[in-house]
Amino acid sequence: MSRIPARWAVAGTVAALTLISLTACTGQPVTGGTTGANTGTAAGADTGRTYALVVHAVPGDAFWDVVKSGAESAGALYGSTVTYQGDPDVQKQSQLIETAIAADVDGIIVSMANPDGLRGALADAAAADVPVITINSGAEDSAAVGAITHVGQGEYLAGQGAGGQLAEASATKVICVIHEAGNAGLEDRCAGAADTLDGGLSNVQVDIANIADAQNTIKSALLADPEIDGILTLNSAVGVAAAQAAAEAGSDAQIGTFDVSADVTTLINDGSILFAVDQQPYLQGYLPVTFLELFHTNGNVVGGSQPVYSGPGFVTKENADQVATYAGNGTR
């Protein structure tokens, strides 16, 4: 199959990106017609292209299920095949990338929680002229590993926003719950929040693979220090666990979380969680497939090799019901 060298950089337009983003955000099925002159690909036509989505997720993670759904929806639109694999072990994730290269895929979409651990595999992708788009984590290292763009949110900026929300709620002593050891993006979120809170924040480590233990760890922290008046979690499931931990500890700590789920929107509505930071995981799957189709068909590089932001947005009581509808549909 023919490829367009990954080194080509063509600046995309804001208008085109906005149109793509709005189409993806609706969560509505696309019916009939073609995708237009920009791609030259009929909706549902079999392009014969295959894209590998390789992430740092544990099996069954609700956040990554939404990313996967977005990628598969875009694949169905363009008639391309999307494969999905994940492993939190960076060496195993690298092996999955090498397997995708050996399978002669037409593009790799990869999350980079540990950029240094993936450099070798991504260098091999570049050598094989397999275009790469990074998502979710690793924006700062995306260009350095040869990716054509990055889709995600500015993690430090999102952390600053979350810290600002907690500060407005008068939180002065906050714990930031990190659920993946060594994940630079999560550390950036906590660092951004600490900056906004003037250092009134300390990190707590838990394991995303053991939510019950994470809940106990948060509860123990609250019982050990009743002055903790704020909790920032970086994953929706951990956010739910934090709400349960606070209730069991009899704590009035304000809780903010990253990422959205039906449970999170329910807890926002009943006042157990103050807000959620929404990075729109559906877009983190949908947009890279769309961008790779544009790349292969026209040589377009959306964003001009700069990150394309899918967030942050904030979910509060004011918009929780609307977001809950989308979360129920699997698109938020």
C-alpha atoms as a PDB file:
ATOM      1  CA  MET A   1       0.000   0.000   0.000  1.00  0.00           C
ATOM      2  CA  SER A   2       1.220   3.518  -0.699  1.00  0.00           C
ATOM      3  CA  ARG A   3       2.090   5.914   2.077  1.00  0.00           C
ATOM      4  CA  ILE A   4       2.647   9.635   2.372  1.00  0.00           C
ATOM      5  CA  PRO A   5       5.908  10.378   4.247  1.00  0.00           C
ATOM      6  CA  ALA A   6       5.209  11.278   7.875  1.00  0.00           C
ATOM      7  CA  ARG A   7       7.544  14.256   7.686  1.00  0.00           C
ATOM      8  CA  TRP A   8       5.210  16.314   5.481  1.00  0.00           C
ATOM      9  CA  ALA A   9       3.670  19.156   7.472  1.00  0.00           C
ATOM     10  CA  VAL A  10       0.751  21.021   5.955  1.00  0.00           C
ATOM     11  CA  ALA A  11      -1.065  23.552   8.131  1.00  0.00           C
ATOM     12  CA  GLY A  12      -4.735  22.726   8.702  1.00  0.00           C
ATOM     13  CA  THR A  13      -7.419  25.347   9.014  1.00  0.00           C
ATOM     14  CA  VAL A  14      -9.380  26.243  12.129  1.00  0.00           C
ATOM     15  CA  ALA A  15     -12.623  26.167  10.155  1.00  0.00           C
ATOM     16  CA  ALA A  16     -12.063  22.618   8.946  1.00  0.00           C
ATOM     17  CA  LEU A  17     -11.139  21.442  12.440  1.00  0.00           C
ATOM     18  CA  THR A  18     -14.198  23.096  13.938  1.00  0.00           C
ATOM     19  CA  LEU A  19     -16.445  21.361  11.416  1.00  0.00           C
ATOM     20  CA  ILE A  20     -14.889  17.989  12.188  1.00  0.00           C
ATOM     21  CA  SER A  21     -15.136  18.569  15.945  1.00  0.00           C
ATOM     22  CA  LEU A  22     -18.770  19.621  15.819  1.00  0.00           C
ATOM     23  CA  THR A  23     -19.665  16.570  13.757  1.00  0.00           C
ATOM     24  CA  ALA A  24     -17.972  14.297  16.289  1.00  0.00           C
ATOM     25  CA  CYS A  25     -19.482  16.032  19.314  1.00  0.00           C
ATOM     26  CA  THR A  26     -23.069  15.406  18.287  1.00  0.00           C
ATOM     27  CA  GLY A  27     -22.773  11.680  18.850  1.00  0.00           C
ATOM     28  CA  GLN A  28     -25.334  11.221  16.055  1.00  0.00           C
ATOM     29  CA  PRO A  29     -24.960   8.609  13.332  1.00  0.00           C
ATOM     30  CA  VAL A  30     -23.956   9.805   9.881  1.00  0.00           C
ATOM     31  CA  THR A  31     -26.250   8.543   7.166  1.00  0.00           C
ATOM     32  CA  GLY A  32     -25.951   8.464   3.410  1.00  0.00           C
ATOM     33  CA  GLY A  33     -23.989  10.688   1.075  1.00  0.00           C
ATOM     34  CA  THR A  34     -20.229  11.055   0.988  1.00  0.00           C
ATOM     35  CA  THR A  35     -17.698  12.664   3.249  1.00  0.00           C
ATOM     36  CA  GLY A  36     -17.196  15.406   0.700  1.00  0.00           C
ATOM     37  CA  ALA A  37     -14.388  16.540  -1.575  1.00  0.00           C
ATOM     38  CA  ASN A  38     -11.905  16.929   1.267  1.00  0.00           C
ATOM     39  CA  THR A  39     -11.500  13.158   1.703  1.00  0.00           C
ATOM     40  CA  GLY A  40     -12.943  11.771  -1.500  1.00  0.00           C
ATOM     41  CA  THR A  41     -14.074   8.733   0.514  1.00  0.00           C
ATOM     42  CA  ALA A  42     -17.688   7.574   0.496  1.00  0.00           C
ATOM     43  CA  ALA A  43     -19.198   7.007   3.928  1.00  0.00           C
ATOM     44  CA  GLY A  44     -19.112   3.292   4.646  1.00  0.00           C
ATOM     45  CA  ALA A  45     -16.873   2.550   1.639  1.00  0.00           C
ATOM     46  CA  ASP A  46     -14.160  -0.036   2.222  1.00  0.00           C
ATOM     47  CA  THR A  47     -10.899   1.909   2.033  1.00  0.00           C
ATOM     48  CA  GLY A  48      -8.890  -1.156   2.981  1.00  0.00           C
ATOM     49  CA  ARG A  49      -6.960   0.904   5.541  1.00  0.00           C
ATOM     50  CA  THR A  50      -6.222  -0.371   9.031  1.00  0.00           C
ATOM     51  CA  TYR A  51      -5.350   1.789  12.013  1.00  0.00           C
ATOM     52  CA  ALA A  52      -3.965   0.465  15.288  1.00  0.00           C
ATOM     53  CA  LEU A  53      -5.095   2.163  18.493  1.00  0.00           C
ATOM     54  CA  VAL A  54      -2.513   1.284  21.169  1.00  0.00           C
ATOM     55  CA  VAL A  55      -3.033   2.772  24.628  1.00  0.00           C
ATOM     56  CA  HIS A  56      -1.737   2.461  28.184  1.00  0.00           C
ATOM     57  CA  ALA A  57      -5.037   1.185  29.590  1.00  0.00           C
ATOM     58  CA  VAL A  58      -6.034  -1.709  31.779  1.00  0.00           C
ATOM     59  CA  PRO A  59      -8.832  -3.894  30.336  1.00  0.00           C
ATOM     60  CA  GLY A  60     -12.339  -2.599  30.902  1.00  0.00           C
ATOM     61  CA  ASP A  61     -11.386   1.005  31.704  1.00  0.00           C
ATOM     62  CA  ALA A  62     -14.539   3.048  31.050  1.00  0.00           C
ATOM     63  CA  PHE A  63     -12.596   6.086  29.805  1.00  0.00           C
ATOM     64  CA  TRP A  64     -10.724   4.092  27.171  1.00  0.00           C
ATOM     65  CA  ASP A  65     -13.898   2.303  26.144  1.00  0.00           C
ATOM     66  CA  VAL A  66     -15.206   5.727  25.041  1.00  0.00           C
ATOM     67  CA  VAL A  67     -11.978   6.461  23.147  1.00  0.00           C
ATOM     68  CA  LYS A  68     -12.311   3.084  21.429  1.00  0.00           C
ATOM     69  CA  SER A  69     -15.935   3.817  20.560  1.00  0.00           C
ATOM     70  CA  GLY A  70     -14.981   7.132  18.959  1.00  0.00           C
ATOM     71  CA  ALA A  71     -12.249   5.514  16.864  1.00  0.00           C
ATOM     72  CA  GLU A  72     -14.534   2.706  15.735  1.00  0.00           C
ATOM     73  CA  SER A  73     -17.288   5.175  14.823  1.00  0.00           C
ATOM     74  CA  ALA A  74     -14.895   7.125  12.621  1.00  0.00           C
ATOM     75  CA  GLY A  75     -13.606   3.870  11.140  1.00  0.00           C
ATOM     76  CA  ALA A  76     -17.141   2.857  10.238  1.00  0.00           C
ATOM     77  CA  LEU A  77     -17.705   6.235   8.586  1.00  0.00           C
ATOM     78  CA  TYR A  78     -14.631   5.910   6.369  1.00  0.00           C
ATOM     79  CA  GLY A  79     -14.795   2.167   5.859  1.00  0.00           C
ATOM     80  CA  SER A  80     -11.478   1.603   7.615  1.00  0.00           C
ATOM     81  CA  THR A  81     -10.627  -1.012  10.234  1.00  0.00           C
ATOM     82  CA  VAL A  82      -9.596   0.052  13.732  1.00  0.00           C
ATOM     83  CA  THR A  83      -7.889  -2.420  16.045  1.00  0.00           C
ATOM     84  CA  TYR A  84      -7.668  -1.685  19.766  1.00  0.00           C
ATOM     85  CA  GLN A  85      -5.132  -2.947  22.308  1.00  0.00           C
ATOM     86  CA  GLY A  86      -3.910  -1.597  25.604  1.00  0.00           C
ATOM     87  CA  ASP A  87      -1.431  -2.354  28.337  1.00  0.00           C
ATOM     88  CA  PRO A  88      -0.237  -0.158  31.226  1.00  0.00           C
ATOM     89  CA  ASP A  89       3.215  -1.799  31.069  1.00  0.00           C
ATOM     90  CA  VAL A  90       5.261   0.433  28.763  1.00  0.00           C
ATOM     91  CA  GLN A  91       7.369  -2.470  27.484  1.00  0.00           C
ATOM     92  CA  LYS A  92       4.252  -4.399  26.529  1.00  0.00           C
ATOM     93  CA  GLN A  93       2.764  -1.285  24.943  1.00  0.00           C
ATOM     94  CA  SER A  94       5.960  -0.943  22.888  1.00  0.00           C
ATOM     95  CA  GLN A  95       5.599  -4.545  21.775  1.00  0.00           C
ATOM     96  CA  LEU A  96       2.042  -3.851  20.656  1.00  0.00           C
ATOM     97  CA  ILE A  97       3.337  -0.949  18.550  1.00  0.00           C
ATOM     98  CA  GLU A  98       6.003  -3.193  16.994  1.00  0.00           C
ATOM     99  CA  THR A  99       3.318  -5.779  16.211  1.00  0.00           C
ATOM    100  CA  ALA A 100       1.239  -3.107  14.479  1.00  0.00           C
ATOM    101  CA  ILE A 101       4.242  -2.018  12.408  1.00  0.00           C
ATOM    102  CA  ALA A 102       4.894  -5.629  11.386  1.00  0.00           C
ATOM    103  CA  ALA A 103       1.244  -5.930  10.351  1.00  0.00           C
ATOM    104  CA  ASP A 104       1.794  -3.029   7.906  1.00  0.00           C
ATOM    105  CA  VAL A 105      -0.982  -0.860   9.350  1.00  0.00           C
ATOM    106  CA  ASP A 106      -1.759   2.472   7.734  1.00  0.00           C
ATOM    107  CA  GLY A 107      -1.440   4.450  10.940  1.00  0.00           C
ATOM    108  CA  ILE A 108      -0.870   4.131  14.662  1.00  0.00           C
ATOM    109  CA  ILE A 109      -2.777   6.079  17.304  1.00  0.00           C
ATOM    110  CA  VAL A 110      -0.935   5.902  20.606  1.00  0.00           C
ATOM    111  CA  SER A 111      -1.194   7.325  24.114  1.00  0.00           C
ATOM    112  CA  MET A 112       2.158   8.247  25.651  1.00  0.00           C
ATOM    113  CA  ALA A 113       1.929   8.090  29.430  1.00  0.00           C
ATOM    114  CA  ASN A 114       5.633   7.172  29.370  1.00  0.00           C
ATOM    115  CA  PRO A 115       7.174   8.866  26.313  1.00  0.00           C
ATOM    116  CA  ASP A 116      10.723   7.709  27.018  1.00  0.00           C
ATOM    117  CA  GLY A 117       9.627   4.083  27.132  1.00  0.00           C
ATOM    118  CA  LEU A 118       7.979   4.316  23.706  1.00  0.00           C
ATOM    119  CA  ARG A 119      10.677   6.221  21.798  1.00  0.00           C
ATOM    120  CA  GLY A 120      12.283   3.125  20.315  1.00  0.00           C
ATOM    121  CA  ALA A 121       9.042   1.651  18.997  1.00  0.00           C
ATOM    122  CA  LEU A 122       7.873   4.992  17.600  1.00  0.00           C
ATOM    123  CA  ALA A 123      11.251   5.509  15.915  1.00  0.00           C
ATOM    124  CA  ASP A 124      10.659   2.164  14.216  1.00  0.00           C
ATOM    125  CA  ALA A 125       7.240   3.387  13.065  1.00  0.00           C
ATOM    126  CA  ALA A 126       8.827   6.495  11.558  1.00  0.00           C
ATOM    127  CA  ALA A 127      11.473   4.374   9.819  1.00  0.00           C
ATOM    128  CA  ALA A 128       8.690   2.256   8.314  1.00  0.00           C
ATOM    129  CA  ASP A 129       6.803   5.415   7.176  1.00  0.00           C
ATOM    130  CA  VAL A 130       3.826   4.547   9.363  1.00  0.00           C
ATOM    131  CA  PRO A 131       2.138   7.835  10.356  1.00  0.00           C
ATOM    132  CA  VAL A 132       1.595   8.237  14.092  1.00  0.00           C
ATOM    133  CA  ILE A 133      -0.856  10.399  15.995  1.00  0.00           C
ATOM    134  CA  THR A 134      -0.463  10.640  19.758  1.00  0.00           C
ATOM    135  CA  ILE A 135      -3.465  11.077  22.020  1.00  0.00           C
ATOM    136  CA  ASN A 136      -4.309  11.806  25.648  1.00  0.00           C
ATOM    137  CA  SER A 137      -0.815  11.866  27.186  1.00  0.00           C
ATOM    138  CA  GLY A 138       2.524  13.021  25.827  1.00  0.00           C
ATOM    139  CA  ALA A 139       1.663  16.252  24.014  1.00  0.00           C
ATOM    140  CA  GLU A 140       5.027  17.809  24.851  1.00  0.00           C
ATOM    141  CA  ASP A 141       6.914  14.870  23.318  1.00  0.00           C
ATOM    142  CA  SER A 142       4.611  14.229  20.359  1.00  0.00           C
ATOM    143  CA  ALA A 143       6.610  16.102  17.707  1.00  0.00           C
ATOM    144  CA  ALA A 144       9.900  14.728  19.038  1.00  0.00           C
ATOM    145  CA  VAL A 145       8.799  11.130  18.428  1.00  0.00           C
ATOM    146  CA  GLY A 146       7.728  11.984  14.872  1.00  0.00           C
ATOM    147  CA  ALA A 147       3.962  12.132  15.359  1.00  0.00           C
ATOM    148  CA  ILE A 148       2.049  14.258  12.863  1.00  0.00           C
ATOM    149  CA  THR A 149      -0.124  15.733  15.615  1.00  0.00           C
ATOM    150  CA  HIS A 150      -1.477  15.175  19.120  1.00  0.00           C
ATOM    151  CA  VAL A 151      -5.125  15.084  20.225  1.00  0.00           C
ATOM    152  CA  GLY A 152      -5.850  15.710  23.896  1.00  0.00           C
ATOM    153  CA  GLN A 153      -5.932  18.434  26.486  1.00  0.00           C
ATOM    154  CA  GLY A 154      -3.201  20.567  27.988  1.00  0.00           C
ATOM    155  CA  GLU A 155      -2.727  18.636  31.233  1.00  0.00           C
ATOM    156  CA  TYR A 156      -1.004  21.351  33.264  1.00  0.00           C
ATOM    157  CA  LEU A 157      -3.557  23.905  32.052  1.00  0.00           C
ATOM    158  CA  ALA A 158      -6.408  21.532  32.937  1.00  0.00           C
ATOM    159  CA  GLY A 159      -4.898  21.055  36.383  1.00  0.00           C
ATOM    160  CA  GLN A 160      -4.767  24.808  36.874  1.00  0.00           C
ATOM    161  CA  GLY A 161      -8.448  25.013  35.962  1.00  0.00           C
ATOM    162  CA  ALA A 162      -9.331  22.247  38.402  1.00  0.00           C
ATOM    163  CA  GLY A 163      -7.324  23.931  41.149  1.00  0.00           C
ATOM    164  CA  GLY A 164      -9.142  27.180  40.422  1.00  0.00           C
ATOM    165  CA  GLN A 165     -12.506  25.446  40.830  1.00  0.00           C
ATOM    166  CA  LEU A 166     -11.453  24.034  44.203  1.00  0.00           C
ATOM    167  CA  ALA A 167     -10.047  27.386  45.296  1.00  0.00           C
ATOM    168  CA  GLU A 168     -13.365  29.058  44.460  1.00  0.00           C
ATOM    169  CA  ALA A 169     -15.011  26.471  46.709  1.00  0.00           C
ATOM    170  CA  SER A 170     -12.672  27.620  49.510  1.00  0.00           C
ATOM    171  CA  ALA A 171     -10.570  24.450  49.579  1.00  0.00           C
ATOM    172  CA  THR A 172      -7.155  25.114  51.110  1.00  0.00           C
ATOM    173  CA  LYS A 173      -5.761  21.651  51.880  1.00  0.00           C
ATOM    174  CA  VAL A 174      -6.187  19.314  48.913  1.00  0.00           C
ATOM    175  CA  ILE A 175      -5.024  15.812  48.074  1.00  0.00           C
ATOM    176  CA  CYS A 176      -4.467  14.920  44.416  1.00  0.00           C
ATOM    177  CA  VAL A 177      -5.008  11.218  43.792  1.00  0.00           C
ATOM    178  CA  ILE A 178      -2.695   9.754  41.128  1.00  0.00           C
ATOM    179  CA  HIS A 179      -3.888   6.381  39.861  1.00  0.00           C
ATOM    180  CA  GLU A 180      -1.026   5.435  37.470  1.00  0.00           C
ATOM    181  CA  ALA A 181       2.543   5.564  38.741  1.00  0.00           C
ATOM    182  CA  GLY A 182       4.942   7.330  36.377  1.00  0.00           C
ATOM    183  CA  ASN A 183       2.221   8.875  34.193  1.00  0.00           C
ATOM    184  CA  ALA A 184       3.653  12.294  33.331  1.00  0.00           C
ATOM    185  CA  GLY A 185       0.270  13.676  32.277  1.00  0.00           C
ATOM    186  CA  LEU A 186      -1.291  12.880  35.650  1.00  0.00           C
ATOM    187  CA  GLU A 187       1.629  14.462  37.451  1.00  0.00           C
ATOM    188  CA  ASP A 188       1.171  17.574  35.303  1.00  0.00           C
ATOM    189  CA  ARG A 189      -2.486  17.784  36.355  1.00  0.00           C
ATOM    190  CA  CYS A 190      -1.536  17.723  40.032  1.00  0.00           C
ATOM    191  CA  ALA A 191       1.279  20.229  39.443  1.00  0.00           C
ATOM    192  CA  GLY A 192      -1.118  22.625  37.703  1.00  0.00           C
ATOM    193  CA  ALA A 193      -3.613  22.343  40.544  1.00  0.00           C
ATOM    194  CA  ALA A 194      -0.871  22.906  43.127  1.00  0.00           C
ATOM    195  CA  ASP A 195       0.179  26.055  41.271  1.00  0.00           C
ATOM    196  CA  THR A 196      -3.352  27.469  41.430  1.00  0.00           C
ATOM    197  CA  LEU A 197      -3.780  26.454  45.068  1.00  0.00           C
ATOM    198  CA  ASP A 198      -0.475  28.070  46.081  1.00  0.00           C
ATOM    199  CA  GLY A 199       1.039  24.751  47.111  1.00  0.00           C
ATOM    200  CA  GLY A 200      -1.783  23.639  49.404  1.00  0.00           C
ATOM    201  CA  LEU A 201      -1.816  20.244  47.724  1.00  0.00           C
ATOM    202  CA  SER A 202      -0.157  16.866  48.288  1.00  0.00           C
ATOM    203  CA  ASN A 203      -0.187  13.782  46.062  1.00  0.00           C
ATOM    204  CA  VAL A 204      -1.625  10.412  47.047  1.00  0.00           C
ATOM    205  CA  GLN A 205      -0.803   7.288  45.008  1.00  0.00           C
ATOM    206  CA  VAL A 206      -3.387   4.577  44.307  1.00  0.00           C
ATOM    207  CA  ASP A 207      -3.768   1.792  41.745  1.00  0.00           C
ATOM    208  CA  ILE A 208      -6.441   2.114  39.052  1.00  0.00           C
ATOM    209  CA  ALA A 209      -6.599  -1.686  38.883  1.00  0.00           C
ATOM    210  CA  ASN A 210      -7.853  -1.840  42.490  1.00  0.00           C
ATOM    211  CA  ILE A 211     -10.625   0.709  43.026  1.00  0.00           C
ATOM    212  CA  ALA A 212     -11.665  -0.754  46.386  1.00  0.00           C
ATOM    213  CA  ASP A 213      -8.153  -0.266  47.714  1.00  0.00           C
ATOM    214  CA  ALA A 214      -8.061   3.243  46.250  1.00  0.00           C
ATOM    215  CA  GLN A 215     -11.252   4.076  48.141  1.00  0.00           C
ATOM    216  CA  ASN A 216      -9.719   2.796  51.379  1.00  0.00           C
ATOM    217  CA  THR A 217      -6.545   4.817  50.797  1.00  0.00           C
ATOM    218  CA  ILE A 218      -8.538   8.026  50.311  1.00  0.00           C
ATOM    219  CA  LYS A 219     -10.702   7.274  53.355  1.00  0.00           C
ATOM    220  CA  SER A 220      -7.597   6.660  55.479  1.00  0.00           C
ATOM    221  CA  ALA A 221      -6.100   9.984  54.380  1.00  0.00           C
ATOM    222  CA  LEU A 222      -9.278  11.832  55.348  1.00  0.00           C
ATOM    223  CA  LEU A 223      -9.491  10.128  58.736  1.00  0.00           C
ATOM    224  CA  ALA A 224      -5.804  10.782  59.424  1.00  0.00           C
ATOM    225  CA  ASP A 225      -6.124  14.500  58.621  1.00  0.00           C
ATOM    226  CA  PRO A 226      -9.568  16.041  59.141  1.00  0.00           C
ATOM    227  CA  GLU A 227      -8.217  19.365  57.829  1.00  0.00           C
ATOM    228  CA  ILE A 228      -8.231  17.998  54.268  1.00  0.00           C
ATOM    229  CA  ASP A 229     -11.022  19.971  52.632  1.00  0.00           C
ATOM    230  CA  GLY A 230     -10.464  19.130  48.977  1.00  0.00           C
ATOM    231  CA  ILE A 231      -9.912  16.027  46.862  1.00  0.00           C
ATOM    232  CA  LEU A 232      -8.880  16.031  43.213  1.00  0.00           C
ATOM    233  CA  THR A 233      -9.055  12.697  41.412  1.00  0.00           C
ATOM    234  CA  LEU A 234      -7.800  12.135  37.890  1.00  0.00           C
ATOM    235  CA  ASN A 235     -10.158   9.374  36.744  1.00  0.00           C
ATOM    236  CA  SER A 236     -13.933   9.048  36.892  1.00  0.00           C
ATOM    237  CA  ALA A 237     -13.942   5.692  38.712  1.00  0.00           C
ATOM    238  CA  VAL A 238     -11.536   7.053  41.323  1.00  0.00           C
ATOM    239  CA  GLY A 239     -13.781  10.120  41.603  1.00  0.00           C
ATOM    240  CA  VAL A 240     -16.733   7.906  42.490  1.00  0.00           C
ATOM    241  CA  ALA A 241     -14.542   6.057  44.998  1.00  0.00           C
ATOM    242  CA  ALA A 242     -13.508   9.389  46.541  1.00  0.00           C
ATOM    243  CA  ALA A 243     -17.149  10.393  47.027  1.00  0.00           C
ATOM    244  CA  GLN A 244     -17.835   7.098  48.766  1.00  0.00           C
ATOM    245  CA  ALA A 245     -14.676   7.458  50.883  1.00  0.00           C
ATOM    246  CA  ALA A 246     -15.656  10.960  51.980  1.00  0.00           C
ATOM    247  CA  ALA A 247     -19.124   9.779  52.972  1.00  0.00           C
ATOM    248  CA  GLU A 248     -17.691   6.904  55.010  1.00  0.00           C
ATOM    249  CA  ALA A 249     -15.147   9.191  56.685  1.00  0.00           C
ATOM    250  CA  GLY A 250     -17.785  11.814  57.482  1.00  0.00           C
ATOM    251  CA  SER A 251     -15.747  14.376  55.545  1.00  0.00           C
ATOM    252  CA  ASP A 252     -17.141  17.517  53.930  1.00  0.00           C
ATOM    253  CA  ALA A 253     -14.175  17.777  51.549  1.00  0.00           C
ATOM    254  CA  GLN A 254     -15.026  19.257  48.160  1.00  0.00           C
ATOM    255  CA  ILE A 255     -14.353  16.743  45.380  1.00  0.00           C
ATOM    256  CA  GLY A 256     -13.333  17.455  41.813  1.00  0.00           C
ATOM    257  CA  THR A 257     -12.498  14.784  39.288  1.00  0.00           C
ATOM    258  CA  PHE A 258     -11.158  14.410  35.804  1.00  0.00           C
ATOM    259  CA  ASP A 259     -13.321  12.593  33.264  1.00  0.00           C
ATOM    260  CA  VAL A 260     -17.030  11.966  32.980  1.00  0.00           C
ATOM    261  CA  SER A 261     -19.282   8.962  33.478  1.00  0.00           C
ATOM    262  CA  ALA A 262     -22.971   8.438  34.217  1.00  0.00           C
ATOM    263  CA  ASP A 263     -22.075   7.866  37.887  1.00  0.00           C
ATOM    264  CA  VAL A 264     -20.057  11.087  38.021  1.00  0.00           C
ATOM    265  CA  THR A 265     -22.862  13.216  36.571  1.00  0.00           C
ATOM    266  CA  THR A 266     -25.276  11.693  39.099  1.00  0.00           C
ATOM    267  CA  LEU A 267     -22.911  12.573  41.951  1.00  0.00           C
ATOM    268  CA  ILE A 268     -22.499  16.104  40.585  1.00  0.00           C
ATOM    269  CA  ASN A 269     -26.252  16.530  40.556  1.00  0.00           C
ATOM    270  CA  ASP A 270     -26.631  15.370  44.158  1.00  0.00           C
ATOM    271  CA  GLY A 271     -23.748  17.531  45.348  1.00  0.00           C
ATOM    272  CA  SER A 272     -21.299  14.746  46.225  1.00  0.00           C
ATOM    273  CA  ILE A 273     -18.872  15.856  43.488  1.00  0.00           C
ATOM    274  CA  LEU A 274     -18.342  19.536  42.749  1.00  0.00           C
ATOM    275  CA  PHE A 275     -17.182  19.275  39.125  1.00  0.00           C
ATOM    276  CA  ALA A 276     -15.609  17.066  36.486  1.00  0.00           C
ATOM    277  CA  VAL A 277     -12.960  18.047  33.953  1.00  0.00           C
ATOM    278  CA  ASP A 278     -14.112  16.800  30.557  1.00  0.00           C
ATOM    279  CA  GLN A 279     -11.410  16.068  27.978  1.00  0.00           C
ATOM    280  CA  GLN A 280     -13.938  14.444  25.593  1.00  0.00           C
ATOM    281  CA  PRO A 281     -12.413  10.972  25.146  1.00  0.00           C
ATOM    282  CA  TYR A 282     -14.746  10.225  22.238  1.00  0.00           C
ATOM    283  CA  LEU A 283     -12.947  12.913  20.247  1.00  0.00           C
ATOM    284  CA  GLN A 284      -9.571  11.449  21.205  1.00  0.00           C
ATOM    285  CA  GLY A 285     -10.570   8.340  19.265  1.00  0.00           C
ATOM    286  CA  TYR A 286     -12.705   9.874  16.534  1.00  0.00           C
ATOM    287  CA  LEU A 287     -10.463  12.737  15.436  1.00  0.00           C
ATOM    288  CA  PRO A 288      -7.213  10.785  14.916  1.00  0.00           C
ATOM    289  CA  VAL A 289      -8.933   8.350  12.542  1.00  0.00           C
ATOM    290  CA  THR A 290     -10.399  11.294  10.646  1.00  0.00           C
ATOM    291  CA  PHE A 291      -7.022  13.047  10.569  1.00  0.00           C
ATOM    292  CA  LEU A 292      -5.296   9.913   9.252  1.00  0.00           C
ATOM    293  CA  GLU A 293      -7.896   9.629   6.472  1.00  0.00           C
ATOM    294  CA  LEU A 294      -7.237  13.252   5.497  1.00  0.00           C
ATOM    295  CA  PHE A 295      -3.499  12.607   5.663  1.00  0.00           C
ATOM    296  CA  HIS A 296      -3.633   9.590   3.370  1.00  0.00           C
ATOM    297  CA  THR A 297      -6.087  11.101   0.903  1.00  0.00           C
ATOM    298  CA  ASN A 298      -4.874  14.696   0.644  1.00  0.00           C
ATOM    299  CA  GLY A 299      -1.614  14.891   2.569  1.00  0.00           C
ATOM    300  CA  ASN A 300      -3.349  17.169   5.082  1.00  0.00           C
ATOM    301  CA  VAL A 301      -1.837  17.536   8.557  1.00  0.00           C
ATOM    302  CA  VAL A 302      -4.514  19.020  10.807  1.00  0.00           C
ATOM    303  CA  GLY A 303      -3.085  21.428  13.338  1.00  0.00           C
ATOM    304  CA  GLY A 304       0.106  22.065  11.427  1.00  0.00           C
ATOM    305  CA  SER A 305       1.973  19.576  13.648  1.00  0.00           C
ATOM    306  CA  GLN A 306       0.691  21.350  16.756  1.00  0.00           C
ATOM    307  CA  PRO A 307      -1.634  19.751  19.352  1.00  0.00           C
ATOM    308  CA  VAL A 308      -5.363  19.725  18.721  1.00  0.00           C
ATOM    309  CA  TYR A 309      -7.171  20.219  22.029  1.00  0.00           C
ATOM    310  CA  SER A 310     -10.199  18.133  22.960  1.00  0.00           C
ATOM    311  CA  GLY A 311     -10.447  19.834  26.368  1.00  0.00           C
ATOM    312  CA  PRO A 312     -10.549  20.863  29.095  1.00  0.00           C
ATOM    313  CA  GLY A 313     -14.189  21.612  29.676  1.00  0.00           C
ATOM    314  CA  PHE A 314     -15.978  21.597  33.034  1.00  0.00           C
ATOM    315  CA  VAL A 315     -19.108  19.704  34.009  1.00  0.00           C
ATOM    316  CA  THR A 316     -21.048  21.206  36.928  1.00  0.00           C
ATOM    317  CA  LYS A 317     -24.656  21.152  38.100  1.00  0.00           C
ATOM    318  CA  GLU A 318     -25.444  23.662  35.366  1.00  0.00           C
ATOM    319  CA  ASN A 319     -24.743  21.248  32.503  1.00  0.00           C
ATOM    320  CA  ALA A 320     -24.550  17.808  34.151  1.00  0.00           C
ATOM    321  CA  ASP A 321     -27.919  16.623  32.808  1.00  0.00           C
ATOM    322  CA  GLN A 322     -26.989  17.407  29.219  1.00  0.00           C
ATOM    323  CA  VAL A 323     -23.605  15.729  29.539  1.00  0.00           C
ATOM    324  CA  ALA A 324     -25.247  12.730  31.232  1.00  0.00           C
ATOM    325  CA  THR A 325     -27.302  12.155  28.096  1.00  0.00           C
ATOM    326  CA  TYR A 326     -24.159  11.984  25.975  1.00  0.00           C
ATOM    327  CA  ALA A 327     -22.387   9.823  28.579  1.00  0.00           C
ATOM    328  CA  GLY A 328     -25.337   7.428  28.455  1.00  0.00           C
ATOM    329  CA  ASN A 329     -24.871   7.218  24.679  1.00  0.00           C
ATOM    330  CA  GLY A 330     -21.184   6.421  25.136  1.00  0.00           C
ATOM    331  CA  THR A 331     -19.939   9.625  23.499  1.00  0.00           C
ATOM    332  CA  ARG A 332     -18.753  11.540  26.598  1.00  0.00           C
END
